[in-house]
Amino acid sequence: MAQMKNPRRVGELEAMAKGRMIKTSPQKLNLVAQLIRGKKVQRALDELTFSRKRVAHEVKHVLESAIANAENNHDLDIDSLIVDQAFVGKNLVMKRWHARARGRMGRIKKPFSEITIVVREVEEVA
């Protein structure tokens, strides 16, 4: 017997992409996610291309994946897409130790985070 088809996690006019294990803190990643929320996808791609933040390149990769999902999997028009949601979550935190004076150690946390981008097709008002 075949398995039942999974229901869609997003609406009919929406597509989603996730980026996991991004080597930055969620707070820094959220600063880049704020740049693109609510903007048209072409404008958001331009913002990420010329951003000086290191993590903007990886966010751009996830946004391009969401656009490709919208076009290929859901037959949405690329020119009328906007970034509906861009939210950030925590992921793994690697704990490392740094030698300090008198045989002690200092804790170093190396956080990872993840980003979810949802693009939505909007109808142009004539």
PDB file of N, CA and C in Angstrom:
ATOM      1  N   MET A   1       0.838  -1.180   0.000  1.00  0.00           N
ATOM      2  CA  MET A   1       0.000   0.000   0.000  1.00  0.00           C
ATOM      3  C   MET A   1       0.880   1.238   0.000  1.00  0.00           C
ATOM      4  N   ALA A   2       0.432   2.237  -0.731  1.00  0.00           N
ATOM      5  CA  ALA A   2       1.192   3.481  -0.832  1.00  0.00           C
ATOM      6  C   ALA A   2       0.921   4.376   0.375  1.00  0.00           C
ATOM      7  N   GLN A   3       1.881   5.214   0.651  1.00  0.00           N
ATOM      8  CA  GLN A   3       1.732   6.150   1.758  1.00  0.00           C
ATOM      9  C   GLN A   3       0.864   7.318   1.309  1.00  0.00           C
ATOM     10  N   MET A   4       0.083   7.855   2.227  1.00  0.00           N
ATOM     11  CA  MET A   4      -0.770   9.000   1.917  1.00  0.00           C
ATOM     12  C   MET A   4       0.104  10.218   1.630  1.00  0.00           C
ATOM     13  N   LYS A   5      -0.377  11.088   0.737  1.00  0.00           N
ATOM     14  CA  LYS A   5       0.361  12.290   0.376  1.00  0.00           C
ATOM     15  C   LYS A   5       0.354  13.261   1.555  1.00  0.00           C
ATOM     16  N   ASN A   6       1.521  13.850   1.842  1.00  0.00           N
ATOM     17  CA  ASN A   6       1.624  14.809   2.933  1.00  0.00           C
ATOM     18  C   ASN A   6       0.900  16.096   2.571  1.00  0.00           C
ATOM     19  N   PRO A   7       0.200  16.709   3.514  1.00  0.00           N
ATOM     20  CA  PRO A   7      -0.450  17.984   3.219  1.00  0.00           C
ATOM     21  C   PRO A   7       0.588  19.096   3.080  1.00  0.00           C
ATOM     22  N   ARG A   8       0.228  20.145   2.350  1.00  0.00           N
ATOM     23  CA  ARG A   8       1.142  21.268   2.158  1.00  0.00           C
ATOM     24  C   ARG A   8       1.305  22.039   3.454  1.00  0.00           C
ATOM     25  N   ARG A   9       2.524  22.484   3.724  1.00  0.00           N
ATOM     26  CA  ARG A   9       2.802  23.242   4.943  1.00  0.00           C
ATOM     27  C   ARG A   9       2.521  24.720   4.771  1.00  0.00           C
ATOM     28  N   VAL A  10       2.419  25.164   3.517  1.00  0.00           N
ATOM     29  CA  VAL A  10       2.159  26.578   3.230  1.00  0.00           C
ATOM     30  C   VAL A  10       0.926  26.667   2.339  1.00  0.00           C
ATOM     31  N   GLY A  11       0.446  27.888   2.099  1.00  0.00           N
ATOM     32  CA  GLY A  11      -0.766  28.096   1.317  1.00  0.00           C
ATOM     33  C   GLY A  11      -0.601  27.765  -0.156  1.00  0.00           C
ATOM     34  N   GLU A  12      -1.686  27.930  -0.897  1.00  0.00           N
ATOM     35  CA  GLU A  12      -1.696  27.590  -2.323  1.00  0.00           C
ATOM     36  C   GLU A  12      -0.792  28.489  -3.148  1.00  0.00           C
ATOM     37  N   LEU A  13      -0.698  29.746  -2.793  1.00  0.00           N
ATOM     38  CA  LEU A  13       0.106  30.695  -3.570  1.00  0.00           C
ATOM     39  C   LEU A  13       1.448  30.964  -2.906  1.00  0.00           C
ATOM     40  N   GLU A  14       1.956  30.012  -2.120  1.00  0.00           N
ATOM     41  CA  GLU A  14       3.188  30.204  -1.376  1.00  0.00           C
ATOM     42  C   GLU A  14       4.171  29.065  -1.637  1.00  0.00           C
ATOM     43  N   ALA A  15       5.439  29.367  -1.446  1.00  0.00           N
ATOM     44  CA  ALA A  15       6.506  28.364  -1.523  1.00  0.00           C
ATOM     45  C   ALA A  15       7.497  28.663  -0.403  1.00  0.00           C
ATOM     46  N   MET A  16       8.222  27.625   0.036  1.00  0.00           N
ATOM     47  CA  MET A  16       9.072  27.759   1.211  1.00  0.00           C
ATOM     48  C   MET A  16      10.430  27.122   0.951  1.00  0.00           C
ATOM     49  N   ALA A  17      11.446  27.647   1.614  1.00  0.00           N
ATOM     50  CA  ALA A  17      12.779  27.035   1.614  1.00  0.00           C
ATOM     51  C   ALA A  17      13.408  27.272   2.982  1.00  0.00           C
ATOM     52  N   LYS A  18      14.222  26.296   3.416  1.00  0.00           N
ATOM     53  CA  LYS A  18      14.886  26.384   4.714  1.00  0.00           C
ATOM     54  C   LYS A  18      16.386  26.269   4.524  1.00  0.00           C
ATOM     55  N   GLY A  19      17.106  27.029   5.332  1.00  0.00           N
ATOM     56  CA  GLY A  19      18.555  26.898   5.395  1.00  0.00           C
ATOM     57  C   GLY A  19      18.927  26.486   6.798  1.00  0.00           C
ATOM     58  N   ARG A  20      19.593  25.353   6.919  1.00  0.00           N
ATOM     59  CA  ARG A  20      19.933  24.832   8.240  1.00  0.00           C
ATOM     60  C   ARG A  20      21.439  24.872   8.451  1.00  0.00           C
ATOM     61  N   MET A  21      21.847  24.848   9.699  1.00  0.00           N
ATOM     62  CA  MET A  21      23.258  24.802  10.097  1.00  0.00           C
ATOM     63  C   MET A  21      24.051  25.963   9.495  1.00  0.00           C
ATOM     64  N   ILE A  22      23.513  27.168   9.622  1.00  0.00           N
ATOM     65  CA  ILE A  22      24.215  28.366   9.172  1.00  0.00           C
ATOM     66  C   ILE A  22      25.101  28.834  10.322  1.00  0.00           C
ATOM     67  N   LYS A  23      26.387  29.010  10.051  1.00  0.00           N
ATOM     68  CA  LYS A  23      27.368  29.274  11.104  1.00  0.00           C
ATOM     69  C   LYS A  23      27.351  30.744  11.499  1.00  0.00           C
ATOM     70  N   THR A  24      26.332  31.130  12.241  1.00  0.00           N
ATOM     71  CA  THR A  24      26.233  32.453  12.830  1.00  0.00           C
ATOM     72  C   THR A  24      25.187  32.393  13.934  1.00  0.00           C
ATOM     73  N   SER A  25      25.150  33.414  14.761  1.00  0.00           N
ATOM     74  CA  SER A  25      24.159  33.436  15.827  1.00  0.00           C
ATOM     75  C   SER A  25      22.802  33.841  15.261  1.00  0.00           C
ATOM     76  N   PRO A  26      21.719  33.405  15.883  1.00  0.00           N
ATOM     77  CA  PRO A  26      20.394  33.792  15.401  1.00  0.00           C
ATOM     78  C   PRO A  26      20.174  35.302  15.430  1.00  0.00           C
ATOM     79  N   GLN A  27      20.788  35.989  16.364  1.00  0.00           N
ATOM     80  CA  GLN A  27      20.625  37.434  16.452  1.00  0.00           C
ATOM     81  C   GLN A  27      21.226  38.128  15.234  1.00  0.00           C
ATOM     82  N   LYS A  28      22.409  37.700  14.803  1.00  0.00           N
ATOM     83  CA  LYS A  28      23.036  38.285  13.619  1.00  0.00           C
ATOM     84  C   LYS A  28      22.287  37.910  12.348  1.00  0.00           C
ATOM     85  N   LEU A  29      21.788  36.682  12.296  1.00  0.00           N
ATOM     86  CA  LEU A  29      21.042  36.244  11.117  1.00  0.00           C
ATOM     87  C   LEU A  29      19.720  36.985  11.006  1.00  0.00           C
ATOM     88  N   ASN A  30      19.110  37.314  12.119  1.00  0.00           N
ATOM     89  CA  ASN A  30      17.836  38.029  12.108  1.00  0.00           C
ATOM     90  C   ASN A  30      17.997  39.448  11.565  1.00  0.00           C
ATOM     91  N   LEU A  31      19.167  40.052  11.759  1.00  0.00           N
ATOM     92  CA  LEU A  31      19.413  41.374  11.191  1.00  0.00           C
ATOM     93  C   LEU A  31      19.359  41.340   9.671  1.00  0.00           C
ATOM     94  N   VAL A  32      19.856  40.267   9.074  1.00  0.00           N
ATOM     95  CA  VAL A  32      19.812  40.121   7.618  1.00  0.00           C
ATOM     96  C   VAL A  32      18.399  39.764   7.166  1.00  0.00           C
ATOM     97  N   ALA A  33      17.685  38.950   7.958  1.00  0.00           N
ATOM     98  CA  ALA A  33      16.315  38.572   7.595  1.00  0.00           C
ATOM     99  C   ALA A  33      15.392  39.788   7.598  1.00  0.00           C
ATOM    100  N   GLN A  34      15.673  40.761   8.477  1.00  0.00           N
ATOM    101  CA  GLN A  34      14.859  41.969   8.516  1.00  0.00           C
ATOM    102  C   GLN A  34      14.992  42.786   7.242  1.00  0.00           C
ATOM    103  N   LEU A  35      16.134  42.672   6.564  1.00  0.00           N
ATOM    104  CA  LEU A  35      16.346  43.430   5.333  1.00  0.00           C
ATOM    105  C   LEU A  35      15.377  43.039   4.227  1.00  0.00           C
ATOM    106  N   ILE A  36      14.935  41.773   4.219  1.00  0.00           N
ATOM    107  CA  ILE A  36      14.171  41.283   3.072  1.00  0.00           C
ATOM    108  C   ILE A  36      12.689  41.059   3.348  1.00  0.00           C
ATOM    109  N   ARG A  37      12.260  41.134   4.588  1.00  0.00           N
ATOM    110  CA  ARG A  37      10.858  40.856   4.894  1.00  0.00           C
ATOM    111  C   ARG A  37       9.934  41.846   4.193  1.00  0.00           C
ATOM    112  N   GLY A  38       8.911  41.323   3.500  1.00  0.00           N
ATOM    113  CA  GLY A  38       7.891  42.155   2.885  1.00  0.00           C
ATOM    114  C   GLY A  38       8.285  42.798   1.564  1.00  0.00           C
ATOM    115  N   LYS A  39       9.460  42.500   1.042  1.00  0.00           N
ATOM    116  CA  LYS A  39       9.909  43.121  -0.196  1.00  0.00           C
ATOM    117  C   LYS A  39       9.684  42.188  -1.382  1.00  0.00           C
ATOM    118  N   LYS A  40       9.659  42.766  -2.582  1.00  0.00           N
ATOM    119  CA  LYS A  40       9.613  41.952  -3.789  1.00  0.00           C
ATOM    120  C   LYS A  40      10.914  41.169  -3.895  1.00  0.00           C
ATOM    121  N   VAL A  41      10.858  39.987  -4.488  1.00  0.00           N
ATOM    122  CA  VAL A  41      12.020  39.111  -4.460  1.00  0.00           C
ATOM    123  C   VAL A  41      13.214  39.701  -5.208  1.00  0.00           C
ATOM    124  N   GLN A  42      12.983  40.417  -6.293  1.00  0.00           N
ATOM    125  CA  GLN A  42      14.110  40.999  -7.013  1.00  0.00           C
ATOM    126  C   GLN A  42      14.809  42.063  -6.168  1.00  0.00           C
ATOM    127  N   ARG A  43      14.009  42.866  -5.470  1.00  0.00           N
ATOM    128  CA  ARG A  43      14.569  43.886  -4.579  1.00  0.00           C
ATOM    129  C   ARG A  43      15.329  43.226  -3.423  1.00  0.00           C
ATOM    130  N   ALA A  44      14.782  42.124  -2.886  1.00  0.00           N
ATOM    131  CA  ALA A  44      15.435  41.414  -1.786  1.00  0.00           C
ATOM    132  C   ALA A  44      16.760  40.801  -2.248  1.00  0.00           C
ATOM    133  N   LEU A  45      16.795  40.248  -3.462  1.00  0.00           N
ATOM    134  CA  LEU A  45      18.037  39.690  -3.991  1.00  0.00           C
ATOM    135  C   LEU A  45      19.097  40.779  -4.156  1.00  0.00           C
ATOM    136  N   ASP A  46      18.684  41.961  -4.603  1.00  0.00           N
ATOM    137  CA  ASP A  46      19.622  43.066  -4.746  1.00  0.00           C
ATOM    138  C   ASP A  46      20.162  43.505  -3.389  1.00  0.00           C
ATOM    139  N   GLU A  47      19.285  43.569  -2.382  1.00  0.00           N
ATOM    140  CA  GLU A  47      19.719  43.950  -1.037  1.00  0.00           C
ATOM    141  C   GLU A  47      20.765  42.964  -0.497  1.00  0.00           C
ATOM    142  N   LEU A  48      20.525  41.672  -0.721  1.00  0.00           N
ATOM    143  CA  LEU A  48      21.449  40.664  -0.213  1.00  0.00           C
ATOM    144  C   LEU A  48      22.749  40.639  -0.997  1.00  0.00           C
ATOM    145  N   THR A  49      22.681  40.935  -2.293  1.00  0.00           N
ATOM    146  CA  THR A  49      23.888  40.938  -3.109  1.00  0.00           C
ATOM    147  C   THR A  49      24.873  42.000  -2.643  1.00  0.00           C
ATOM    148  N   PHE A  50      24.355  43.180  -2.304  1.00  0.00           N
ATOM    149  CA  PHE A  50      25.227  44.292  -1.951  1.00  0.00           C
ATOM    150  C   PHE A  50      25.334  44.532  -0.444  1.00  0.00           C
ATOM    151  N   SER A  51      24.834  43.610   0.351  1.00  0.00           N
ATOM    152  CA  SER A  51      24.947  43.739   1.798  1.00  0.00           C
ATOM    153  C   SER A  51      26.384  43.437   2.233  1.00  0.00           C
ATOM    154  N   ARG A  52      26.830  44.117   3.270  1.00  0.00           N
ATOM    155  CA  ARG A  52      28.187  43.910   3.770  1.00  0.00           C
ATOM    156  C   ARG A  52      28.245  42.809   4.827  1.00  0.00           C
ATOM    157  N   LYS A  53      27.109  42.248   5.198  1.00  0.00           N
ATOM    158  CA  LYS A  53      27.078  41.186   6.200  1.00  0.00           C
ATOM    159  C   LYS A  53      27.595  39.879   5.588  1.00  0.00           C
ATOM    160  N   ARG A  54      28.381  39.128   6.353  1.00  0.00           N
ATOM    161  CA  ARG A  54      28.954  37.879   5.853  1.00  0.00           C
ATOM    162  C   ARG A  54      27.886  36.833   5.546  1.00  0.00           C
ATOM    163  N   VAL A  55      26.850  36.782   6.361  1.00  0.00           N
ATOM    164  CA  VAL A  55      25.851  35.731   6.241  1.00  0.00           C
ATOM    165  C   VAL A  55      24.837  36.025   5.126  1.00  0.00           C
ATOM    166  N   ALA A  56      24.894  37.206   4.524  1.00  0.00           N
ATOM    167  CA  ALA A  56      23.942  37.575   3.473  1.00  0.00           C
ATOM    168  C   ALA A  56      24.051  36.653   2.265  1.00  0.00           C
ATOM    169  N   HIS A  57      25.249  36.129   2.004  1.00  0.00           N
ATOM    170  CA  HIS A  57      25.432  35.212   0.874  1.00  0.00           C
ATOM    171  C   HIS A  57      24.629  33.929   1.070  1.00  0.00           C
ATOM    172  N   GLU A  58      24.607  33.403   2.284  1.00  0.00           N
ATOM    173  CA  GLU A  58      23.866  32.168   2.553  1.00  0.00           C
ATOM    174  C   GLU A  58      22.359  32.418   2.557  1.00  0.00           C
ATOM    175  N   VAL A  59      21.929  33.586   3.035  1.00  0.00           N
ATOM    176  CA  VAL A  59      20.509  33.927   3.012  1.00  0.00           C
ATOM    177  C   VAL A  59      20.050  34.095   1.563  1.00  0.00           C
ATOM    178  N   LYS A  60      20.903  34.662   0.732  1.00  0.00           N
ATOM    179  CA  LYS A  60      20.578  34.808  -0.688  1.00  0.00           C
ATOM    180  C   LYS A  60      20.394  33.441  -1.342  1.00  0.00           C
ATOM    181  N   HIS A  61      21.234  32.487  -0.964  1.00  0.00           N
ATOM    182  CA  HIS A  61      21.127  31.135  -1.499  1.00  0.00           C
ATOM    183  C   HIS A  61      19.780  30.497  -1.128  1.00  0.00           C
ATOM    184  N   VAL A  62      19.335  30.711   0.111  1.00  0.00           N
ATOM    185  CA  VAL A  62      18.050  30.161   0.557  1.00  0.00           C
ATOM    186  C   VAL A  62      16.897  30.854  -0.176  1.00  0.00           C
ATOM    187  N   LEU A  63      16.993  32.172  -0.377  1.00  0.00           N
ATOM    188  CA  LEU A  63      15.954  32.907  -1.097  1.00  0.00           C
ATOM    189  C   LEU A  63      15.857  32.443  -2.543  1.00  0.00           C
ATOM    190  N   GLU A  64      16.995  32.201  -3.182  1.00  0.00           N
ATOM    191  CA  GLU A  64      16.979  31.680  -4.554  1.00  0.00           C
ATOM    192  C   GLU A  64      16.346  30.299  -4.606  1.00  0.00           C
ATOM    193  N   SER A  65      16.568  29.495  -3.579  1.00  0.00           N
ATOM    194  CA  SER A  65      15.946  28.177  -3.507  1.00  0.00           C
ATOM    195  C   SER A  65      14.430  28.288  -3.359  1.00  0.00           C
ATOM    196  N   ALA A  66      13.963  29.246  -2.560  1.00  0.00           N
ATOM    197  CA  ALA A  66      12.520  29.448  -2.405  1.00  0.00           C
ATOM    198  C   ALA A  66      11.892  29.912  -3.717  1.00  0.00           C
ATOM    199  N   ILE A  67      12.588  30.757  -4.462  1.00  0.00           N
ATOM    200  CA  ILE A  67      12.084  31.223  -5.756  1.00  0.00           C
ATOM    201  C   ILE A  67      12.019  30.063  -6.743  1.00  0.00           C
ATOM    202  N   ALA A  68      13.049  29.205  -6.742  1.00  0.00           N
ATOM    203  CA  ALA A  68      13.056  28.037  -7.623  1.00  0.00           C
ATOM    204  C   ALA A  68      11.940  27.061  -7.253  1.00  0.00           C
ATOM    205  N   ASN A  69      11.682  26.884  -5.953  1.00  0.00           N
ATOM    206  CA  ASN A  69      10.575  26.026  -5.523  1.00  0.00           C
ATOM    207  C   ASN A  69       9.242  26.584  -6.004  1.00  0.00           C
ATOM    208  N   ALA A  70       9.089  27.899  -5.933  1.00  0.00           N
ATOM    209  CA  ALA A  70       7.842  28.524  -6.364  1.00  0.00           C
ATOM    210  C   ALA A  70       7.620  28.322  -7.857  1.00  0.00           C
ATOM    211  N   GLU A  71       8.685  28.442  -8.624  1.00  0.00           N
ATOM    212  CA  GLU A  71       8.557  28.327 -10.081  1.00  0.00           C
ATOM    213  C   GLU A  71       8.371  26.880 -10.525  1.00  0.00           C
ATOM    214  N   ASN A  72       9.208  25.990 -10.038  1.00  0.00           N
ATOM    215  CA  ASN A  72       9.225  24.619 -10.552  1.00  0.00           C
ATOM    216  C   ASN A  72       8.202  23.701  -9.892  1.00  0.00           C
ATOM    217  N   ASN A  73       7.995  23.858  -8.590  1.00  0.00           N
ATOM    218  CA  ASN A  73       7.112  22.936  -7.879  1.00  0.00           C
ATOM    219  C   ASN A  73       5.672  23.417  -7.808  1.00  0.00           C
ATOM    220  N   HIS A  74       5.456  24.737  -7.801  1.00  0.00           N
ATOM    221  CA  HIS A  74       4.115  25.262  -7.565  1.00  0.00           C
ATOM    222  C   HIS A  74       3.595  26.137  -8.701  1.00  0.00           C
ATOM    223  N   ASP A  75       4.361  26.280  -9.790  1.00  0.00           N
ATOM    224  CA  ASP A  75       3.946  27.038 -10.987  1.00  0.00           C
ATOM    225  C   ASP A  75       3.505  28.456 -10.653  1.00  0.00           C
ATOM    226  N   LEU A  76       4.288  29.153  -9.851  1.00  0.00           N
ATOM    227  CA  LEU A  76       3.990  30.543  -9.511  1.00  0.00           C
ATOM    228  C   LEU A  76       4.812  31.470 -10.400  1.00  0.00           C
ATOM    229  N   ASP A  77       4.296  32.679 -10.615  1.00  0.00           N
ATOM    230  CA  ASP A  77       4.973  33.661 -11.456  1.00  0.00           C
ATOM    231  C   ASP A  77       6.062  34.355 -10.638  1.00  0.00           C
ATOM    232  N   ILE A  78       7.290  34.322 -11.131  1.00  0.00           N
ATOM    233  CA  ILE A  78       8.427  34.875 -10.387  1.00  0.00           C
ATOM    234  C   ILE A  78       8.312  36.384 -10.227  1.00  0.00           C
ATOM    235  N   ASP A  79       7.796  37.058 -11.243  1.00  0.00           N
ATOM    236  CA  ASP A  79       7.759  38.524 -11.224  1.00  0.00           C
ATOM    237  C   ASP A  79       6.795  39.089 -10.191  1.00  0.00           C
ATOM    238  N   SER A  80       5.842  38.286  -9.740  1.00  0.00           N
ATOM    239  CA  SER A  80       4.872  38.794  -8.766  1.00  0.00           C
ATOM    240  C   SER A  80       5.052  38.179  -7.377  1.00  0.00           C
ATOM    241  N   LEU A  81       6.264  37.714  -7.070  1.00  0.00           N
ATOM    242  CA  LEU A  81       6.531  37.125  -5.760  1.00  0.00           C
ATOM    243  C   LEU A  81       7.049  38.179  -4.791  1.00  0.00           C
ATOM    244  N   ILE A  82       6.632  38.053  -3.533  1.00  0.00           N
ATOM    245  CA  ILE A  82       7.197  38.866  -2.463  1.00  0.00           C
ATOM    246  C   ILE A  82       7.665  37.924  -1.350  1.00  0.00           C
ATOM    247  N   VAL A  83       8.564  38.416  -0.513  1.00  0.00           N
ATOM    248  CA  VAL A  83       9.020  37.646   0.644  1.00  0.00           C
ATOM    249  C   VAL A  83       7.978  37.853   1.738  1.00  0.00           C
ATOM    250  N   ASP A  84       7.155  36.833   1.941  1.00  0.00           N
ATOM    251  CA  ASP A  84       6.065  36.941   2.907  1.00  0.00           C
ATOM    252  C   ASP A  84       6.590  36.816   4.333  1.00  0.00           C
ATOM    253  N   GLN A  85       7.423  35.802   4.570  1.00  0.00           N
ATOM    254  CA  GLN A  85       7.968  35.569   5.909  1.00  0.00           C
ATOM    255  C   GLN A  85       9.440  35.221   5.785  1.00  0.00           C
ATOM    256  N   ALA A  86      10.214  35.656   6.747  1.00  0.00           N
ATOM    257  CA  ALA A  86      11.608  35.257   6.878  1.00  0.00           C
ATOM    258  C   ALA A  86      11.885  35.192   8.374  1.00  0.00           C
ATOM    259  N   PHE A  87      11.901  33.991   8.912  1.00  0.00           N
ATOM    260  CA  PHE A  87      12.113  33.876  10.353  1.00  0.00           C
ATOM    261  C   PHE A  87      13.287  32.961  10.668  1.00  0.00           C
ATOM    262  N   VAL A  88      13.862  33.197  11.834  1.00  0.00           N
ATOM    263  CA  VAL A  88      15.130  32.601  12.225  1.00  0.00           C
ATOM    264  C   VAL A  88      14.926  31.755  13.477  1.00  0.00           C
ATOM    265  N   GLY A  89      15.656  30.669  13.573  1.00  0.00           N
ATOM    266  CA  GLY A  89      15.595  29.819  14.751  1.00  0.00           C
ATOM    267  C   GLY A  89      16.981  29.359  15.175  1.00  0.00           C
ATOM    268  N   LYS A  90      17.070  28.886  16.407  1.00  0.00           N
ATOM    269  CA  LYS A  90      18.339  28.364  16.926  1.00  0.00           C
ATOM    270  C   LYS A  90      18.595  26.977  16.378  1.00  0.00           C
ATOM    271  N   ASN A  91      19.849  26.604  16.375  1.00  0.00           N
ATOM    272  CA  ASN A  91      20.250  25.256  16.009  1.00  0.00           C
ATOM    273  C   ASN A  91      21.336  24.829  16.990  1.00  0.00           C
ATOM    274  N   LEU A  92      22.237  24.010  16.573  1.00  0.00           N
ATOM    275  CA  LEU A  92      23.298  23.476  17.413  1.00  0.00           C
ATOM    276  C   LEU A  92      24.192  24.586  17.981  1.00  0.00           C
ATOM    277  N   VAL A  93      24.683  24.390  19.196  1.00  0.00           N
ATOM    278  CA  VAL A  93      25.700  25.272  19.765  1.00  0.00           C
ATOM    279  C   VAL A  93      26.885  24.398  20.160  1.00  0.00           C
ATOM    280  N   MET A  94      28.026  24.609  19.480  1.00  0.00           N
ATOM    281  CA  MET A  94      29.232  23.858  19.823  1.00  0.00           C
ATOM    282  C   MET A  94      29.904  24.541  21.006  1.00  0.00           C
ATOM    283  N   LYS A  95      30.301  23.753  22.001  1.00  0.00           N
ATOM    284  CA  LYS A  95      31.002  24.301  23.149  1.00  0.00           C
ATOM    285  C   LYS A  95      32.493  23.990  23.007  1.00  0.00           C
ATOM    286  N   ARG A  96      33.285  25.026  23.102  1.00  0.00           N
ATOM    287  CA  ARG A  96      34.730  24.874  23.024  1.00  0.00           C
ATOM    288  C   ARG A  96      35.352  25.540  24.252  1.00  0.00           C
ATOM    289  N   TRP A  97      36.590  25.198  24.539  1.00  0.00           N
ATOM    290  CA  TRP A  97      37.260  25.717  25.726  1.00  0.00           C
ATOM    291  C   TRP A  97      38.535  26.420  25.322  1.00  0.00           C
ATOM    292  N   HIS A  98      38.849  27.492  26.040  1.00  0.00           N
ATOM    293  CA  HIS A  98      40.042  28.290  25.789  1.00  0.00           C
ATOM    294  C   HIS A  98      40.852  28.337  27.087  1.00  0.00           C
ATOM    295  N   ALA A  99      42.145  28.048  26.991  1.00  0.00           N
ATOM    296  CA  ALA A  99      42.991  28.018  28.186  1.00  0.00           C
ATOM    297  C   ALA A  99      43.136  29.412  28.768  1.00  0.00           C
ATOM    298  N   ARG A 100      43.017  29.505  30.087  1.00  0.00           N
ATOM    299  CA  ARG A 100      43.156  30.780  30.793  1.00  0.00           C
ATOM    300  C   ARG A 100      44.255  30.631  31.854  1.00  0.00           C
ATOM    301  N   ALA A 101      44.465  31.659  32.625  1.00  0.00           N
ATOM    302  CA  ALA A 101      45.530  31.651  33.625  1.00  0.00           C
ATOM    303  C   ALA A 101      45.218  30.687  34.771  1.00  0.00           C
ATOM    304  N   ARG A 102      46.268  30.210  35.417  1.00  0.00           N
ATOM    305  CA  ARG A 102      46.194  29.348  36.593  1.00  0.00           C
ATOM    306  C   ARG A 102      45.431  28.048  36.342  1.00  0.00           C
ATOM    307  N   GLY A 103      45.540  27.508  35.159  1.00  0.00           N
ATOM    308  CA  GLY A 103      44.933  26.218  34.854  1.00  0.00           C
ATOM    309  C   GLY A 103      43.438  26.239  34.695  1.00  0.00           C
ATOM    310  N   ARG A 104      42.871  27.404  34.531  1.00  0.00           N
ATOM    311  CA  ARG A 104      41.428  27.503  34.336  1.00  0.00           C
ATOM    312  C   ARG A 104      41.106  27.511  32.858  1.00  0.00           C
ATOM    313  N   MET A 105      39.817  27.576  32.581  1.00  0.00           N
ATOM    314  CA  MET A 105      39.422  27.614  31.176  1.00  0.00           C
ATOM    315  C   MET A 105      38.263  28.578  30.987  1.00  0.00           C
ATOM    316  N   GLY A 106      38.171  29.102  29.802  1.00  0.00           N
ATOM    317  CA  GLY A 106      37.066  29.975  29.440  1.00  0.00           C
ATOM    318  C   GLY A 106      36.198  29.295  28.399  1.00  0.00           C
ATOM    319  N   ARG A 107      34.910  29.443  28.553  1.00  0.00           N
ATOM    320  CA  ARG A 107      33.969  28.795  27.642  1.00  0.00           C
ATOM    321  C   ARG A 107      33.807  29.638  26.374  1.00  0.00           C
ATOM    322  N   ILE A 108      33.820  28.985  25.227  1.00  0.00           N
ATOM    323  CA  ILE A 108      33.538  29.633  23.947  1.00  0.00           C
ATOM    324  C   ILE A 108      32.358  28.902  23.334  1.00  0.00           C
ATOM    325  N   LYS A 109      31.310  29.635  22.995  1.00  0.00           N
ATOM    326  CA  LYS A 109      30.132  29.053  22.352  1.00  0.00           C
ATOM    327  C   LYS A 109      30.152  29.413  20.875  1.00  0.00           C
ATOM    328  N   LYS A 110      30.001  28.417  20.022  1.00  0.00           N
ATOM    329  CA  LYS A 110      29.969  28.636  18.579  1.00  0.00           C
ATOM    330  C   LYS A 110      28.568  28.257  18.091  1.00  0.00           C
ATOM    331  N   PRO A 111      27.672  29.242  17.972  1.00  0.00           N
ATOM    332  CA  PRO A 111      26.281  28.930  17.656  1.00  0.00           C
ATOM    333  C   PRO A 111      26.046  28.733  16.162  1.00  0.00           C
ATOM    334  N   PHE A 112      25.052  27.901  15.862  1.00  0.00           N
ATOM    335  CA  PHE A 112      24.533  27.731  14.513  1.00  0.00           C
ATOM    336  C   PHE A 112      23.067  28.134  14.549  1.00  0.00           C
ATOM    337  N   SER A 113      22.526  28.506  13.401  1.00  0.00           N
ATOM    338  CA  SER A 113      21.115  28.889  13.348  1.00  0.00           C
ATOM    339  C   SER A 113      20.512  28.427  12.029  1.00  0.00           C
ATOM    340  N   GLU A 114      19.221  28.612  11.893  1.00  0.00           N
ATOM    341  CA  GLU A 114      18.522  28.226  10.666  1.00  0.00           C
ATOM    342  C   GLU A 114      17.545  29.322  10.284  1.00  0.00           C
ATOM    343  N   ILE A 115      17.259  29.418   8.989  1.00  0.00           N
ATOM    344  CA  ILE A 115      16.349  30.439   8.484  1.00  0.00           C
ATOM    345  C   ILE A 115      15.316  29.773   7.591  1.00  0.00           C
ATOM    346  N   THR A 116      14.075  30.242   7.689  1.00  0.00           N
ATOM    347  CA  THR A 116      12.987  29.780   6.839  1.00  0.00           C
ATOM    348  C   THR A 116      12.447  30.983   6.081  1.00  0.00           C
ATOM    349  N   ILE A 117      12.377  30.851   4.762  1.00  0.00           N
ATOM    350  CA  ILE A 117      11.873  31.934   3.918  1.00  0.00           C
ATOM    351  C   ILE A 117      10.648  31.436   3.167  1.00  0.00           C
ATOM    352  N   VAL A 118       9.543  32.189   3.274  1.00  0.00           N
ATOM    353  CA  VAL A 118       8.306  31.868   2.568  1.00  0.00           C
ATOM    354  C   VAL A 118       8.031  33.005   1.591  1.00  0.00           C
ATOM    355  N   VAL A 119       7.892  32.639   0.305  1.00  0.00           N
ATOM    356  CA  VAL A 119       7.558  33.627  -0.718  1.00  0.00           C
ATOM    357  C   VAL A 119       6.094  33.415  -1.125  1.00  0.00           C
ATOM    358  N   ARG A 120       5.420  34.517  -1.461  1.00  0.00           N
ATOM    359  CA  ARG A 120       4.003  34.466  -1.784  1.00  0.00           C
ATOM    360  C   ARG A 120       3.757  35.240  -3.079  1.00  0.00           C
ATOM    361  N   GLU A 121       2.856  34.736  -3.890  1.00  0.00           N
ATOM    362  CA  GLU A 121       2.475  35.412  -5.129  1.00  0.00           C
ATOM    363  C   GLU A 121       1.338  36.390  -4.836  1.00  0.00           C
ATOM    364  N   VAL A 122       1.480  37.624  -5.295  1.00  0.00           N
ATOM    365  CA  VAL A 122       0.444  38.630  -5.107  1.00  0.00           C
ATOM    366  C   VAL A 122      -0.047  39.089  -6.477  1.00  0.00           C
ATOM    367  N   GLU A 123      -1.353  39.404  -6.528  1.00  0.00           N
ATOM    368  CA  GLU A 123      -1.913  39.909  -7.778  1.00  0.00           C
ATOM    369  C   GLU A 123      -1.662  41.411  -7.847  1.00  0.00           C
ATOM    370  N   GLU A 124      -1.277  41.870  -9.007  1.00  0.00           N
ATOM    371  CA  GLU A 124      -1.032  43.301  -9.213  1.00  0.00           C
ATOM    372  C   GLU A 124      -2.383  44.021  -9.320  1.00  0.00           C
ATOM    373  N   VAL A 125      -2.490  45.161  -8.630  1.00  0.00           N
ATOM    374  CA  VAL A 125      -3.723  45.945  -8.686  1.00  0.00           C
ATOM    375  C   VAL A 125      -3.654  46.832  -9.920  1.00  0.00           C
ATOM    376  N   ALA A 126      -4.682  46.706 -10.785  1.00  0.00           N
ATOM    377  CA  ALA A 126      -4.669  47.462 -12.049  1.00  0.00           C
ATOM    378  C   ALA A 126      -5.194  48.877 -11.851  1.00  0.00           C
TER     379      ALA A 126
END
